C-alpha cells in the first residue's frame, strides 16, 4: 500500500483554514526502489503561494483547503 507525502499548513497566530498539500510521491519509509523526493521549505512555500492564488483564505475559519502539488 502506497503512502503519499502530505503536509498541513496554517497560520501560527489565530489559525483559520488549514492548507492540506498532497505530494505525488511516496514517503521514504514506504517502499524501497521507488523514486522519491524530499519535501523542502521551498516546496512548501511554492505550495502556499499556489494555494493563495487558487483561493485559499488562511485567516478564515473554514474547512481545510486541499492542494495537489504539481511541479512548476
C-alpha atoms as a PDB file:
ATOM      1  CA  UNK A   1       0.000   0.000   0.000  1.00  0.00           C
ATOM      2  CA  UNK A   2       1.407   3.379  -1.016  1.00  0.00           C
ATOM      3  CA  UNK A   3       1.524   6.265   1.389  1.00  0.00           C
ATOM      4  CA  UNK A   4       1.960   9.603  -0.354  1.00  0.00           C
ATOM      5  CA  UNK A   5       3.536  12.530   1.423  1.00  0.00           C
ATOM      6  CA  UNK A   6       1.155  15.107   2.832  1.00  0.00           C
ATOM      7  CA  UNK A   7       1.780  18.385   4.645  1.00  0.00           C
ATOM      8  CA  UNK A   8      -0.512  20.695   6.591  1.00  0.00           C
ATOM      9  CA  UNK A   9      -0.041  24.468   6.867  1.00  0.00           C
ATOM     10  CA  UNK A  10      -1.923  27.020   8.947  1.00  0.00           C
ATOM     11  CA  UNK A  11      -1.351  30.457  10.426  1.00  0.00           C
ATOM     12  CA  UNK A  12       0.649  30.413  13.654  1.00  0.00           C
ATOM     13  CA  UNK A  13      -1.325  33.168  15.340  1.00  0.00           C
ATOM     14  CA  UNK A  14      -5.104  32.962  15.073  1.00  0.00           C
ATOM     15  CA  UNK A  15      -5.251  29.860  12.856  1.00  0.00           C
ATOM     16  CA  UNK A  16      -8.147  29.626  10.447  1.00  0.00           C
ATOM     17  CA  UNK A  17      -8.343  27.327   7.437  1.00  0.00           C
ATOM     18  CA  UNK A  18      -5.741  24.574   7.165  1.00  0.00           C
ATOM     19  CA  UNK A  19      -3.966  24.034   3.854  1.00  0.00           C
ATOM     20  CA  UNK A  20      -3.574  20.311   3.124  1.00  0.00           C
ATOM     21  CA  UNK A  21      -0.891  19.650   0.487  1.00  0.00           C
ATOM     22  CA  UNK A  22      -0.741  16.286  -1.278  1.00  0.00           C
ATOM     23  CA  UNK A  23       2.620  15.491  -2.899  1.00  0.00           C
ATOM     24  CA  UNK A  24       2.701  12.943  -5.771  1.00  0.00           C
ATOM     25  CA  UNK A  25       5.479  10.741  -4.416  1.00  0.00           C
ATOM     26  CA  UNK A  26       5.615   8.133  -1.717  1.00  0.00           C
ATOM     27  CA  UNK A  27       7.191   8.514   1.700  1.00  0.00           C
ATOM     28  CA  UNK A  28      10.815   7.450   2.109  1.00  0.00           C
ATOM     29  CA  UNK A  29       9.842   4.725   4.557  1.00  0.00           C
ATOM     30  CA  UNK A  30       7.097   3.248   2.358  1.00  0.00           C
ATOM     31  CA  UNK A  31       8.842   1.305  -0.396  1.00  0.00           C
ATOM     32  CA  UNK A  32      12.409   0.759  -1.492  1.00  0.00           C
ATOM     33  CA  UNK A  33      13.230   1.320  -5.160  1.00  0.00           C
ATOM     34  CA  UNK A  34      10.534   3.886  -5.958  1.00  0.00           C
ATOM     35  CA  UNK A  35      11.822   7.353  -6.944  1.00  0.00           C
ATOM     36  CA  UNK A  36      11.295   9.798  -4.111  1.00  0.00           C
ATOM     37  CA  UNK A  37      11.841  13.477  -3.440  1.00  0.00           C
ATOM     38  CA  UNK A  38      12.159  15.323  -0.145  1.00  0.00           C
ATOM     39  CA  UNK A  39       9.615  17.947   0.853  1.00  0.00           C
ATOM     40  CA  UNK A  40      11.667  21.095   1.310  1.00  0.00           C
ATOM     41  CA  UNK A  41      10.736  24.505   2.734  1.00  0.00           C
ATOM     42  CA  UNK A  42      10.859  25.828  -0.845  1.00  0.00           C
ATOM     43  CA  UNK A  43       8.208  23.303  -1.958  1.00  0.00           C
ATOM     44  CA  UNK A  44       6.010  24.298   0.967  1.00  0.00           C
ATOM     45  CA  UNK A  45       6.453  27.990   0.097  1.00  0.00           C
ATOM     46  CA  UNK A  46       5.562  27.345  -3.564  1.00  0.00           C
ATOM     47  CA  UNK A  47       2.519  25.373  -2.486  1.00  0.00           C
ATOM     48  CA  UNK A  48       1.328  28.149  -0.158  1.00  0.00           C
ATOM     49  CA  UNK A  49       1.698  30.723  -2.957  1.00  0.00           C
ATOM     50  CA  UNK A  50      -0.210  28.481  -5.368  1.00  0.00           C
ATOM     51  CA  UNK A  51      -2.978  27.851  -2.834  1.00  0.00           C
ATOM     52  CA  UNK A  52      -3.352  31.584  -2.196  1.00  0.00           C
ATOM     53  CA  UNK A  53      -3.668  32.169  -5.961  1.00  0.00           C
ATOM     54  CA  UNK A  54      -6.315  29.431  -6.115  1.00  0.00           C
ATOM     55  CA  UNK A  55      -8.404  30.985  -3.371  1.00  0.00           C
ATOM     56  CA  UNK A  56      -7.134  29.635  -0.037  1.00  0.00           C
ATOM     57  CA  UNK A  57      -8.018  32.124   2.710  1.00  0.00           C
ATOM     58  CA  UNK A  58      -5.851  31.115   5.693  1.00  0.00           C
ATOM     59  CA  UNK A  59      -7.410  33.634   8.087  1.00  0.00           C
ATOM     60  CA  UNK A  60     -10.980  32.373   7.544  1.00  0.00           C
ATOM     61  CA  UNK A  61     -12.351  29.663   9.812  1.00  0.00           C
ATOM     62  CA  UNK A  62     -13.382  27.258   7.060  1.00  0.00           C
ATOM     63  CA  UNK A  63     -12.856  23.615   6.254  1.00  0.00           C
ATOM     64  CA  UNK A  64      -9.445  22.545   5.008  1.00  0.00           C
ATOM     65  CA  UNK A  65      -8.273  23.675   1.574  1.00  0.00           C
ATOM     66  CA  UNK A  66      -6.711  20.784  -0.372  1.00  0.00           C
ATOM     67  CA  UNK A  67      -3.963  21.325  -2.916  1.00  0.00           C
ATOM     68  CA  UNK A  68      -2.493  18.595  -5.106  1.00  0.00           C
ATOM     69  CA  UNK A  69       1.115  19.640  -5.694  1.00  0.00           C
ATOM     70  CA  UNK A  70       2.231  19.898  -9.308  1.00  0.00           C
ATOM     71  CA  UNK A  71       5.782  20.609 -10.352  1.00  0.00           C
ATOM     72  CA  UNK A  72       6.210  24.005 -11.941  1.00  0.00           C
END
